[in-house]
mmCIF file of all heavy atoms, coordinates in Angstrom:
data_MODEL
# 
_entry.id   MODEL 
# 
loop_
_atom_site.group_PDB 
_atom_site.id 
_atom_site.type_symbol 
_atom_site.label_atom_id 
_atom_site.label_alt_id 
_atom_site.label_comp_id 
_atom_site.label_asym_id 
_atom_site.label_entity_id 
_atom_site.label_seq_id 
_atom_site.pdbx_PDB_ins_code 
_atom_site.Cartn_x 
_atom_site.Cartn_y 
_atom_site.Cartn_z 
_atom_site.occupancy 
_atom_site.B_iso_or_equiv 
_atom_site.pdbx_formal_charge 
_atom_site.auth_seq_id 
_atom_site.auth_comp_id 
_atom_site.auth_asym_id 
_atom_site.auth_atom_id 
_atom_site.pdbx_PDB_model_num 
ATOM 1   N N   . ALA A 1 1  ? 83.418 85.689  102.274 1.00 0.00 ? 1  ALA A N   1 
ATOM 2   C CA  . ALA A 1 1  ? 82.957 85.381  103.621 1.00 0.00 ? 1  ALA A CA  1 
ATOM 3   C C   . ALA A 1 1  ? 84.156 84.881  104.416 1.00 0.00 ? 1  ALA A C   1 
ATOM 4   O O   . ALA A 1 1  ? 84.860 83.977  103.979 1.00 0.00 ? 1  ALA A O   1 
ATOM 5   C CB  . ALA A 1 1  ? 81.862 84.319  103.571 1.00 0.00 ? 1  ALA A CB  1 
ATOM 6   N N   . VAL A 1 2  ? 84.392 85.470  105.591 1.00 0.00 ? 2  VAL A N   1 
ATOM 7   C CA  . VAL A 1 2  ? 85.588 85.160  106.369 1.00 0.00 ? 2  VAL A CA  1 
ATOM 8   C C   . VAL A 1 2  ? 85.188 84.689  107.769 1.00 0.00 ? 2  VAL A C   1 
ATOM 9   O O   . VAL A 1 2  ? 84.529 85.421  108.513 1.00 0.00 ? 2  VAL A O   1 
ATOM 10  C CB  . VAL A 1 2  ? 86.511 86.393  106.486 1.00 0.00 ? 2  VAL A CB  1 
ATOM 11  C CG1 . VAL A 1 2  ? 87.754 86.050  107.308 1.00 0.00 ? 2  VAL A CG1 1 
ATOM 12  C CG2 . VAL A 1 2  ? 86.917 86.898  105.099 1.00 0.00 ? 2  VAL A CG2 1 
ATOM 13  N N   . ASP A 1 3  ? 85.607 83.486  108.117 1.00 0.00 ? 3  ASP A N   1 
ATOM 14  C CA  . ASP A 1 3  ? 85.366 82.989  109.468 1.00 0.00 ? 3  ASP A CA  1 
ATOM 15  C C   . ASP A 1 3  ? 86.299 83.687  110.448 1.00 0.00 ? 3  ASP A C   1 
ATOM 16  O O   . ASP A 1 3  ? 87.508 83.800  110.201 1.00 0.00 ? 3  ASP A O   1 
ATOM 17  C CB  . ASP A 1 3  ? 85.590 81.479  109.523 1.00 0.00 ? 3  ASP A CB  1 
ATOM 18  C CG  . ASP A 1 3  ? 84.389 80.696  109.047 1.00 0.00 ? 3  ASP A CG  1 
ATOM 19  O OD1 . ASP A 1 3  ? 83.356 80.737  109.734 1.00 0.00 ? 3  ASP A OD1 1 
ATOM 20  O OD2 . ASP A 1 3  ? 84.474 80.048  107.979 1.00 0.00 ? 3  ASP A OD2 1 
ATOM 21  N N   . VAL A 1 4  ? 85.761 84.114  111.564 1.00 0.00 ? 4  VAL A N   1 
ATOM 22  C CA  . VAL A 1 4  ? 86.568 84.819  112.573 1.00 0.00 ? 4  VAL A CA  1 
ATOM 23  C C   . VAL A 1 4  ? 86.617 84.086  113.906 1.00 0.00 ? 4  VAL A C   1 
ATOM 24  O O   . VAL A 1 4  ? 87.362 84.492  114.795 1.00 0.00 ? 4  VAL A O   1 
ATOM 25  C CB  . VAL A 1 4  ? 86.033 86.255  112.793 1.00 0.00 ? 4  VAL A CB  1 
ATOM 26  C CG1 . VAL A 1 4  ? 86.155 87.075  111.528 1.00 0.00 ? 4  VAL A CG1 1 
ATOM 27  C CG2 . VAL A 1 4  ? 84.595 86.250  113.294 1.00 0.00 ? 4  VAL A CG2 1 
ATOM 28  N N   . ASP A 1 5  ? 85.855 83.005  114.043 1.00 0.00 ? 5  ASP A N   1 
ATOM 29  C CA  . ASP A 1 5  ? 85.809 82.283  115.310 1.00 0.00 ? 5  ASP A CA  1 
ATOM 30  C C   . ASP A 1 5  ? 85.952 80.784  115.077 1.00 0.00 ? 5  ASP A C   1 
ATOM 31  O O   . ASP A 1 5  ? 85.689 80.270  113.984 1.00 0.00 ? 5  ASP A O   1 
ATOM 32  C CB  . ASP A 1 5  ? 84.486 82.552  116.043 1.00 0.00 ? 5  ASP A CB  1 
ATOM 33  C CG  . ASP A 1 5  ? 84.323 84.002  116.448 1.00 0.00 ? 5  ASP A CG  1 
ATOM 34  O OD1 . ASP A 1 5  ? 85.227 84.517  117.128 1.00 0.00 ? 5  ASP A OD1 1 
ATOM 35  O OD2 . ASP A 1 5  ? 83.307 84.621  116.071 1.00 0.00 ? 5  ASP A OD2 1 
ATOM 36  N N   . GLY A 1 6  ? 86.346 80.077  116.107 1.00 0.00 ? 6  GLY A N   1 
ATOM 37  C CA  . GLY A 1 6  ? 86.387 78.627  116.075 1.00 0.00 ? 6  GLY A CA  1 
ATOM 38  C C   . GLY A 1 6  ? 87.497 78.044  115.224 1.00 0.00 ? 6  GLY A C   1 
ATOM 39  O O   . GLY A 1 6  ? 88.435 78.727  114.813 1.00 0.00 ? 6  GLY A O   1 
ATOM 40  N N   . GLU A 1 7  ? 87.395 76.748  114.932 1.00 0.00 ? 7  GLU A N   1 
ATOM 41  C CA  . GLU A 1 7  ? 88.420 76.047  114.171 1.00 0.00 ? 7  GLU A CA  1 
ATOM 42  C C   . GLU A 1 7  ? 88.560 76.565  112.756 1.00 0.00 ? 7  GLU A C   1 
ATOM 43  O O   . GLU A 1 7  ? 89.609 76.411  112.128 1.00 0.00 ? 7  GLU A O   1 
ATOM 44  C CB  . GLU A 1 7  ? 88.116 74.544  114.142 1.00 0.00 ? 7  GLU A CB  1 
ATOM 45  C CG  . GLU A 1 7  ? 88.240 73.853  115.486 1.00 0.00 ? 7  GLU A CG  1 
ATOM 46  C CD  . GLU A 1 7  ? 88.015 72.356  115.381 1.00 0.00 ? 7  GLU A CD  1 
ATOM 47  O OE1 . GLU A 1 7  ? 87.527 71.919  114.321 1.00 0.00 ? 7  GLU A OE1 1 
ATOM 48  O OE2 . GLU A 1 7  ? 88.314 71.638  116.344 1.00 0.00 ? 7  GLU A OE2 1 
ATOM 49  N N   . ALA A 1 8  ? 87.509 77.160  112.235 1.00 0.00 ? 8  ALA A N   1 
ATOM 50  C CA  . ALA A 1 8  ? 87.542 77.648  110.853 1.00 0.00 ? 8  ALA A CA  1 
ATOM 51  C C   . ALA A 1 8  ? 88.121 79.053  110.742 1.00 0.00 ? 8  ALA A C   1 
ATOM 52  O O   . ALA A 1 8  ? 88.199 79.597  109.639 1.00 0.00 ? 8  ALA A O   1 
ATOM 53  C CB  . ALA A 1 8  ? 86.132 77.635  110.268 1.00 0.00 ? 8  ALA A CB  1 
ATOM 54  N N   . ARG A 1 9  ? 88.545 79.639  111.836 1.00 0.00 ? 9  ARG A N   1 
ATOM 55  C CA  . ARG A 1 9  ? 89.081 81.000  111.821 1.00 0.00 ? 9  ARG A CA  1 
ATOM 56  C C   . ARG A 1 9  ? 90.128 81.164  110.717 1.00 0.00 ? 9  ARG A C   1 
ATOM 57  O O   . ARG A 1 9  ? 90.988 80.315  110.518 1.00 0.00 ? 9  ARG A O   1 
ATOM 58  C CB  . ARG A 1 9  ? 89.696 81.324  113.177 1.00 0.00 ? 9  ARG A CB  1 
ATOM 59  C CG  . ARG A 1 9  ? 90.251 82.745  113.312 1.00 0.00 ? 9  ARG A CG  1 
ATOM 60  C CD  . ARG A 1 9  ? 90.710 82.963  114.750 1.00 0.00 ? 9  ARG A CD  1 
ATOM 61  N NE  . ARG A 1 9  ? 91.521 84.162  114.926 1.00 0.00 ? 9  ARG A NE  1 
ATOM 62  C CZ  . ARG A 1 9  ? 91.049 85.373  115.155 1.00 0.00 ? 9  ARG A CZ  1 
ATOM 63  N NH1 . ARG A 1 9  ? 89.738 85.563  115.221 1.00 0.00 ? 9  ARG A NH1 1 
ATOM 64  N NH2 . ARG A 1 9  ? 91.857 86.396  115.319 1.00 0.00 ? 9  ARG A NH2 1 
ATOM 65  N N   . ALA A 1 10 ? 90.032 82.297  110.004 1.00 0.00 ? 10 ALA A N   1 
ATOM 66  C CA  . ALA A 1 10 ? 90.946 82.654  108.907 1.00 0.00 ? 10 ALA A CA  1 
ATOM 67  C C   . ALA A 1 10 ? 90.685 81.864  107.633 1.00 0.00 ? 10 ALA A C   1 
ATOM 68  O O   . ALA A 1 10 ? 91.512 81.866  106.714 1.00 0.00 ? 10 ALA A O   1 
ATOM 69  C CB  . ALA A 1 10 ? 92.410 82.512  109.330 1.00 0.00 ? 10 ALA A CB  1 
ATOM 70  N N   . THR A 1 11 ? 89.531 81.185  107.568 1.00 0.00 ? 11 THR A N   1 
ATOM 71  C CA  . THR A 1 11 ? 89.108 80.551  106.315 1.00 0.00 ? 11 THR A CA  1 
ATOM 72  C C   . THR A 1 11 ? 88.214 81.521  105.554 1.00 0.00 ? 11 THR A C   1 
ATOM 73  O O   . THR A 1 11 ? 87.333 82.147  106.134 1.00 0.00 ? 11 THR A O   1 
ATOM 74  C CB  . THR A 1 11 ? 88.336 79.246  106.590 1.00 0.00 ? 11 THR A CB  1 
ATOM 75  O OG1 . THR A 1 11 ? 89.175 78.357  107.331 1.00 0.00 ? 11 THR A OG1 1 
ATOM 76  C CG2 . THR A 1 11 ? 87.919 78.584  105.291 1.00 0.00 ? 11 THR A CG2 1 
ATOM 77  N N   . SER A 1 12 ? 88.446 81.630  104.250 1.00 0.00 ? 12 SER A N   1 
ATOM 78  C CA  . SER A 1 12 ? 87.708 82.593  103.422 1.00 0.00 ? 12 SER A CA  1 
ATOM 79  C C   . SER A 1 12 ? 87.126 81.892  102.207 1.00 0.00 ? 12 SER A C   1 
ATOM 80  O O   . SER A 1 12 ? 87.747 80.987  101.641 1.00 0.00 ? 12 SER A O   1 
ATOM 81  C CB  . SER A 1 12 ? 88.662 83.712  102.988 1.00 0.00 ? 12 SER A CB  1 
ATOM 82  O OG  . SER A 1 12 ? 88.041 84.588  102.085 1.00 0.00 ? 12 SER A OG  1 
ATOM 83  N N   . LYS A 1 13 ? 85.922 82.339  101.801 1.00 0.00 ? 13 LYS A N   1 
ATOM 84  C CA  . LYS A 1 13 ? 85.251 81.758  100.633 1.00 0.00 ? 13 LYS A CA  1 
ATOM 85  C C   . LYS A 1 13 ? 84.686 82.871  99.758  1.00 0.00 ? 13 LYS A C   1 
ATOM 86  O O   . LYS A 1 13 ? 84.100 83.828  100.257 1.00 0.00 ? 13 LYS A O   1 
ATOM 87  C CB  . LYS A 1 13 ? 84.101 80.837  101.079 1.00 0.00 ? 13 LYS A CB  1 
ATOM 88  C CG  . LYS A 1 13 ? 84.535 79.604  101.862 1.00 0.00 ? 13 LYS A CG  1 
ATOM 89  C CD  . LYS A 1 13 ? 83.326 78.818  102.351 1.00 0.00 ? 13 LYS A CD  1 
ATOM 90  C CE  . LYS A 1 13 ? 82.525 78.224  101.220 1.00 0.00 ? 13 LYS A CE  1 
ATOM 91  N NZ  . LYS A 1 13 ? 81.406 77.379  101.704 1.00 0.00 ? 13 LYS A NZ  1 
ATOM 92  N N   . LEU A 1 14 ? 84.850 82.720  98.453  1.00 0.00 ? 14 LEU A N   1 
ATOM 93  C CA  . LEU A 1 14 ? 84.343 83.705  97.491  1.00 0.00 ? 14 LEU A CA  1 
ATOM 94  C C   . LEU A 1 14 ? 82.848 83.508  97.280  1.00 0.00 ? 14 LEU A C   1 
ATOM 95  O O   . LEU A 1 14 ? 82.405 82.432  96.859  1.00 0.00 ? 14 LEU A O   1 
ATOM 96  C CB  . LEU A 1 14 ? 85.102 83.590  96.172  1.00 0.00 ? 14 LEU A CB  1 
ATOM 97  C CG  . LEU A 1 14 ? 84.663 84.527  95.042  1.00 0.00 ? 14 LEU A CG  1 
ATOM 98  C CD1 . LEU A 1 14 ? 84.722 85.985  95.466  1.00 0.00 ? 14 LEU A CD1 1 
ATOM 99  C CD2 . LEU A 1 14 ? 85.518 84.301  93.794  1.00 0.00 ? 14 LEU A CD2 1 
ATOM 100 N N   . PHE A 1 15 ? 82.085 84.576  97.538  1.00 0.00 ? 15 PHE A N   1 
ATOM 101 C CA  . PHE A 1 15 ? 80.620 84.523  97.434  1.00 0.00 ? 15 PHE A CA  1 
ATOM 102 C C   . PHE A 1 15 ? 80.096 85.240  96.200  1.00 0.00 ? 15 PHE A C   1 
ATOM 103 O O   . PHE A 1 15 ? 79.113 84.812  95.593  1.00 0.00 ? 15 PHE A O   1 
ATOM 104 C CB  . PHE A 1 15 ? 80.023 85.154  98.694  1.00 0.00 ? 15 PHE A CB  1 
ATOM 105 C CG  . PHE A 1 15 ? 78.515 85.179  98.718  1.00 0.00 ? 15 PHE A CG  1 
ATOM 106 C CD1 . PHE A 1 15 ? 77.796 84.008  98.892  1.00 0.00 ? 15 PHE A CD1 1 
ATOM 107 C CD2 . PHE A 1 15 ? 77.817 86.372  98.585  1.00 0.00 ? 15 PHE A CD2 1 
ATOM 108 C CE1 . PHE A 1 15 ? 76.400 84.022  98.918  1.00 0.00 ? 15 PHE A CE1 1 
ATOM 109 C CE2 . PHE A 1 15 ? 76.431 86.406  98.609  1.00 0.00 ? 15 PHE A CE2 1 
ATOM 110 C CZ  . PHE A 1 15 ? 75.722 85.218  98.771  1.00 0.00 ? 15 PHE A CZ  1 
ATOM 111 N N   . PHE A 1 16 ? 80.724 86.341  95.819  1.00 0.00 ? 16 PHE A N   1 
ATOM 112 C CA  . PHE A 1 16 ? 80.242 87.162  94.697  1.00 0.00 ? 16 PHE A CA  1 
ATOM 113 C C   . PHE A 1 16 ? 81.436 87.833  94.051  1.00 0.00 ? 16 PHE A C   1 
ATOM 114 O O   . PHE A 1 16 ? 82.342 88.299  94.746  1.00 0.00 ? 16 PHE A O   1 
ATOM 115 C CB  . PHE A 1 16 ? 79.261 88.216  95.217  1.00 0.00 ? 16 PHE A CB  1 
ATOM 116 C CG  . PHE A 1 16 ? 78.764 89.196  94.182  1.00 0.00 ? 16 PHE A CG  1 
ATOM 117 C CD1 . PHE A 1 16 ? 77.686 88.889  93.368  1.00 0.00 ? 16 PHE A CD1 1 
ATOM 118 C CD2 . PHE A 1 16 ? 79.377 90.438  94.023  1.00 0.00 ? 16 PHE A CD2 1 
ATOM 119 C CE1 . PHE A 1 16 ? 77.225 89.797  92.430  1.00 0.00 ? 16 PHE A CE1 1 
ATOM 120 C CE2 . PHE A 1 16 ? 78.924 91.352  93.085  1.00 0.00 ? 16 PHE A CE2 1 
ATOM 121 C CZ  . PHE A 1 16 ? 77.841 91.024  92.278  1.00 0.00 ? 16 PHE A CZ  1 
ATOM 122 N N   . ARG A 1 17 ? 81.462 87.861  92.726  1.00 0.00 ? 17 ARG A N   1 
ATOM 123 C CA  . ARG A 1 17 ? 82.547 88.565  92.055  1.00 0.00 ? 17 ARG A CA  1 
ATOM 124 C C   . ARG A 1 17 ? 81.987 89.527  91.015  1.00 0.00 ? 17 ARG A C   1 
ATOM 125 O O   . ARG A 1 17 ? 80.910 89.305  90.451  1.00 0.00 ? 17 ARG A O   1 
ATOM 126 C CB  . ARG A 1 17 ? 83.549 87.597  91.442  1.00 0.00 ? 17 ARG A CB  1 
ATOM 127 C CG  . ARG A 1 17 ? 83.234 87.074  90.075  1.00 0.00 ? 17 ARG A CG  1 
ATOM 128 C CD  . ARG A 1 17 ? 84.386 86.211  89.538  1.00 0.00 ? 17 ARG A CD  1 
ATOM 129 N NE  . ARG A 1 17 ? 84.359 86.176  88.093  1.00 0.00 ? 17 ARG A NE  1 
ATOM 130 C CZ  . ARG A 1 17 ? 84.426 85.082  87.350  1.00 0.00 ? 17 ARG A CZ  1 
ATOM 131 N NH1 . ARG A 1 17 ? 84.523 83.884  87.939  1.00 0.00 ? 17 ARG A NH1 1 
ATOM 132 N NH2 . ARG A 1 17 ? 84.406 85.155  86.041  1.00 0.00 ? 17 ARG A NH2 1 
ATOM 133 N N   . VAL A 1 18 ? 82.722 90.624  90.789  1.00 0.00 ? 18 VAL A N   1 
ATOM 134 C CA  . VAL A 1 18 ? 82.242 91.714  89.942  1.00 0.00 ? 18 VAL A CA  1 
ATOM 135 C C   . VAL A 1 18 ? 82.788 91.595  88.521  1.00 0.00 ? 18 VAL A C   1 
ATOM 136 O O   . VAL A 1 18 ? 83.739 90.856  88.268  1.00 0.00 ? 18 VAL A O   1 
ATOM 137 C CB  . VAL A 1 18 ? 82.627 93.085  90.536  1.00 0.00 ? 18 VAL A CB  1 
ATOM 138 C CG1 . VAL A 1 18 ? 81.971 93.286  91.878  1.00 0.00 ? 18 VAL A CG1 1 
ATOM 139 C CG2 . VAL A 1 18 ? 84.144 93.236  90.644  1.00 0.00 ? 18 VAL A CG2 1 
ATOM 140 N N   . PRO A 1 19 ? 82.221 92.356  87.581  1.00 0.00 ? 19 PRO A N   1 
ATOM 141 C CA  . PRO A 1 19 ? 82.735 92.379  86.220  1.00 0.00 ? 19 PRO A CA  1 
ATOM 142 C C   . PRO A 1 19 ? 84.147 92.957  86.157  1.00 0.00 ? 19 PRO A C   1 
ATOM 143 O O   . PRO A 1 19 ? 84.578 93.691  87.059  1.00 0.00 ? 19 PRO A O   1 
ATOM 144 C CB  . PRO A 1 19 ? 81.743 93.282  85.468  1.00 0.00 ? 19 PRO A CB  1 
ATOM 145 C CG  . PRO A 1 19 ? 80.520 93.296  86.309  1.00 0.00 ? 19 PRO A CG  1 
ATOM 146 C CD  . PRO A 1 19 ? 80.990 93.163  87.717  1.00 0.00 ? 19 PRO A CD  1 
ATOM 147 N N   . VAL A 1 20 ? 84.838 92.660  85.092  1.00 0.00 ? 20 VAL A N   1 
ATOM 148 C CA  . VAL A 1 20 ? 86.190 93.164  84.902  1.00 0.00 ? 20 VAL A CA  1 
ATOM 149 C C   . VAL A 1 20 ? 86.206 94.691  84.974  1.00 0.00 ? 20 VAL A C   1 
ATOM 150 O O   . VAL A 1 20 ? 85.308 95.367  84.498  1.00 0.00 ? 20 VAL A O   1 
ATOM 151 C CB  . VAL A 1 20 ? 86.768 92.683  83.557  1.00 0.00 ? 20 VAL A CB  1 
ATOM 152 C CG1 . VAL A 1 20 ? 85.988 93.245  82.377  1.00 0.00 ? 20 VAL A CG1 1 
ATOM 153 C CG2 . VAL A 1 20 ? 88.242 93.036  83.435  1.00 0.00 ? 20 VAL A CG2 1 
ATOM 154 N N   . GLY A 1 21 ? 87.228 95.219  85.612  1.00 0.00 ? 21 GLY A N   1 
ATOM 155 C CA  . GLY A 1 21 ? 87.392 96.664  85.725  1.00 0.00 ? 21 GLY A CA  1 
ATOM 156 C C   . GLY A 1 21 ? 86.687 97.297  86.896  1.00 0.00 ? 21 GLY A C   1 
ATOM 157 O O   . GLY A 1 21 ? 86.910 98.471  87.189  1.00 0.00 ? 21 GLY A O   1 
ATOM 158 N N   . ALA A 1 22 ? 85.827 96.546  87.588  1.00 0.00 ? 22 ALA A N   1 
ATOM 159 C CA  . ALA A 1 22 ? 85.035 97.109  88.685  1.00 0.00 ? 22 ALA A CA  1 
ATOM 160 C C   . ALA A 1 22 ? 85.686 96.822  90.025  1.00 0.00 ? 22 ALA A C   1 
ATOM 161 O O   . ALA A 1 22 ? 86.498 95.906  90.167  1.00 0.00 ? 22 ALA A O   1 
ATOM 162 C CB  . ALA A 1 22 ? 83.621 96.537  88.671  1.00 0.00 ? 22 ALA A CB  1 
ATOM 163 N N   . GLU A 1 23 ? 85.312 97.619  91.023  1.00 0.00 ? 23 GLU A N   1 
ATOM 164 C CA  . GLU A 1 23 ? 85.614 97.297  92.412  1.00 0.00 ? 23 GLU A CA  1 
ATOM 165 C C   . GLU A 1 23 ? 84.291 97.056  93.116  1.00 0.00 ? 23 GLU A C   1 
ATOM 166 O O   . GLU A 1 23 ? 83.243 97.526  92.679  1.00 0.00 ? 23 GLU A O   1 
ATOM 167 C CB  . GLU A 1 23 ? 86.386 98.417  93.103  1.00 0.00 ? 23 GLU A CB  1 
ATOM 168 C CG  . GLU A 1 23 ? 85.585 99.686  93.327  1.00 0.00 ? 23 GLU A CG  1 
ATOM 169 C CD  . GLU A 1 23 ? 86.283 100.707 94.216  1.00 0.00 ? 23 GLU A CD  1 
ATOM 170 O OE1 . GLU A 1 23 ? 86.310 100.487 95.440  1.00 0.00 ? 23 GLU A OE1 1 
ATOM 171 O OE2 . GLU A 1 23 ? 86.788 101.709 93.683  1.00 0.00 ? 23 GLU A OE2 1 
ATOM 172 N N   . LEU A 1 24 ? 84.358 96.319  94.219  1.00 0.00 ? 24 LEU A N   1 
ATOM 173 C CA  . LEU A 1 24 ? 83.143 96.051  94.977  1.00 0.00 ? 24 LEU A CA  1 
ATOM 174 C C   . LEU A 1 24 ? 83.114 96.896  96.236  1.00 0.00 ? 24 LEU A C   1 
ATOM 175 O O   . LEU A 1 24 ? 84.090 96.934  96.989  1.00 0.00 ? 24 LEU A O   1 
ATOM 176 C CB  . LEU A 1 24 ? 83.049 94.576  95.365  1.00 0.00 ? 24 LEU A CB  1 
ATOM 177 C CG  . LEU A 1 24 ? 81.724 94.222  96.052  1.00 0.00 ? 24 LEU A CG  1 
ATOM 178 C CD1 . LEU A 1 24 ? 80.574 94.332  95.080  1.00 0.00 ? 24 LEU A CD1 1 
ATOM 179 C CD2 . LEU A 1 24 ? 81.768 92.841  96.664  1.00 0.00 ? 24 LEU A CD2 1 
ATOM 180 N N   . CYS A 1 25 ? 81.998 97.576  96.448  1.00 0.00 ? 25 CYS A N   1 
ATOM 181 C CA  . CYS A 1 25 ? 81.806 98.394  97.646  1.00 0.00 ? 25 CYS A CA  1 
ATOM 182 C C   . CYS A 1 25 ? 80.559 97.911  98.367  1.00 0.00 ? 25 CYS A C   1 
ATOM 183 O O   . CYS A 1 25 ? 79.943 96.937  98.004  1.00 0.00 ? 25 CYS A O   1 
ATOM 184 C CB  . CYS A 1 25 ? 81.694 99.869  97.275  1.00 0.00 ? 25 CYS A CB  1 
ATOM 185 S SG  . CYS A 1 25 ? 83.127 100.504 96.378  1.00 0.00 ? 25 CYS A SG  1 
ATOM 186 N N   . GLY A 1 26 ? 80.112 98.678  99.359  1.00 0.00 ? 26 GLY A N   1 
ATOM 187 C CA  . GLY A 1 26 ? 79.128 98.155  100.285 1.00 0.00 ? 26 GLY A CA  1 
ATOM 188 C C   . GLY A 1 26 ? 79.947 97.339  101.284 1.00 0.00 ? 26 GLY A C   1 
ATOM 189 O O   . GLY A 1 26 ? 80.954 97.851  101.778 1.00 0.00 ? 26 GLY A O   1 
ATOM 190 N N   . PRO A 1 27 ? 79.635 96.106  101.564 1.00 0.00 ? 27 PRO A N   1 
ATOM 191 C CA  . PRO A 1 27 ? 78.340 95.454  101.379 1.00 0.00 ? 27 PRO A CA  1 
ATOM 192 C C   . PRO A 1 27 ? 77.410 95.817  102.540 1.00 0.00 ? 27 PRO A C   1 
ATOM 193 O O   . PRO A 1 27 ? 77.841 96.404  103.532 1.00 0.00 ? 27 PRO A O   1 
ATOM 194 C CB  . PRO A 1 27 ? 78.722 93.975  101.404 1.00 0.00 ? 27 PRO A CB  1 
ATOM 195 C CG  . PRO A 1 27 ? 79.928 93.929  102.300 1.00 0.00 ? 27 PRO A CG  1 
ATOM 196 C CD  . PRO A 1 27 ? 80.661 95.226  102.106 1.00 0.00 ? 27 PRO A CD  1 
ATOM 197 N N   . LEU A 1 28 ? 76.159 95.419  102.429 1.00 0.00 ? 28 LEU A N   1 
ATOM 198 C CA  . LEU A 1 28 ? 75.170 95.765  103.453 1.00 0.00 ? 28 LEU A CA  1 
ATOM 199 C C   . LEU A 1 28 ? 74.128 94.652  103.536 1.00 0.00 ? 28 LEU A C   1 
ATOM 200 O O   . LEU A 1 28 ? 73.621 94.205  102.503 1.00 0.00 ? 28 LEU A O   1 
ATOM 201 C CB  . LEU A 1 28 ? 74.524 97.102  103.091 1.00 0.00 ? 28 LEU A CB  1 
ATOM 202 C CG  . LEU A 1 28 ? 73.411 97.719  103.945 1.00 0.00 ? 28 LEU A CG  1 
ATOM 203 C CD1 . LEU A 1 28 ? 72.051 97.116  103.683 1.00 0.00 ? 28 LEU A CD1 1 
ATOM 204 C CD2 . LEU A 1 28 ? 73.729 97.633  105.427 1.00 0.00 ? 28 LEU A CD2 1 
# 
């Protein structure tokens, strides 16, 4: 999750991670 507005702009937080060897697509 990436903040794009306000004082928190450019702050990122990990919400979901995949098993080893996988890539993540979507999201929706």
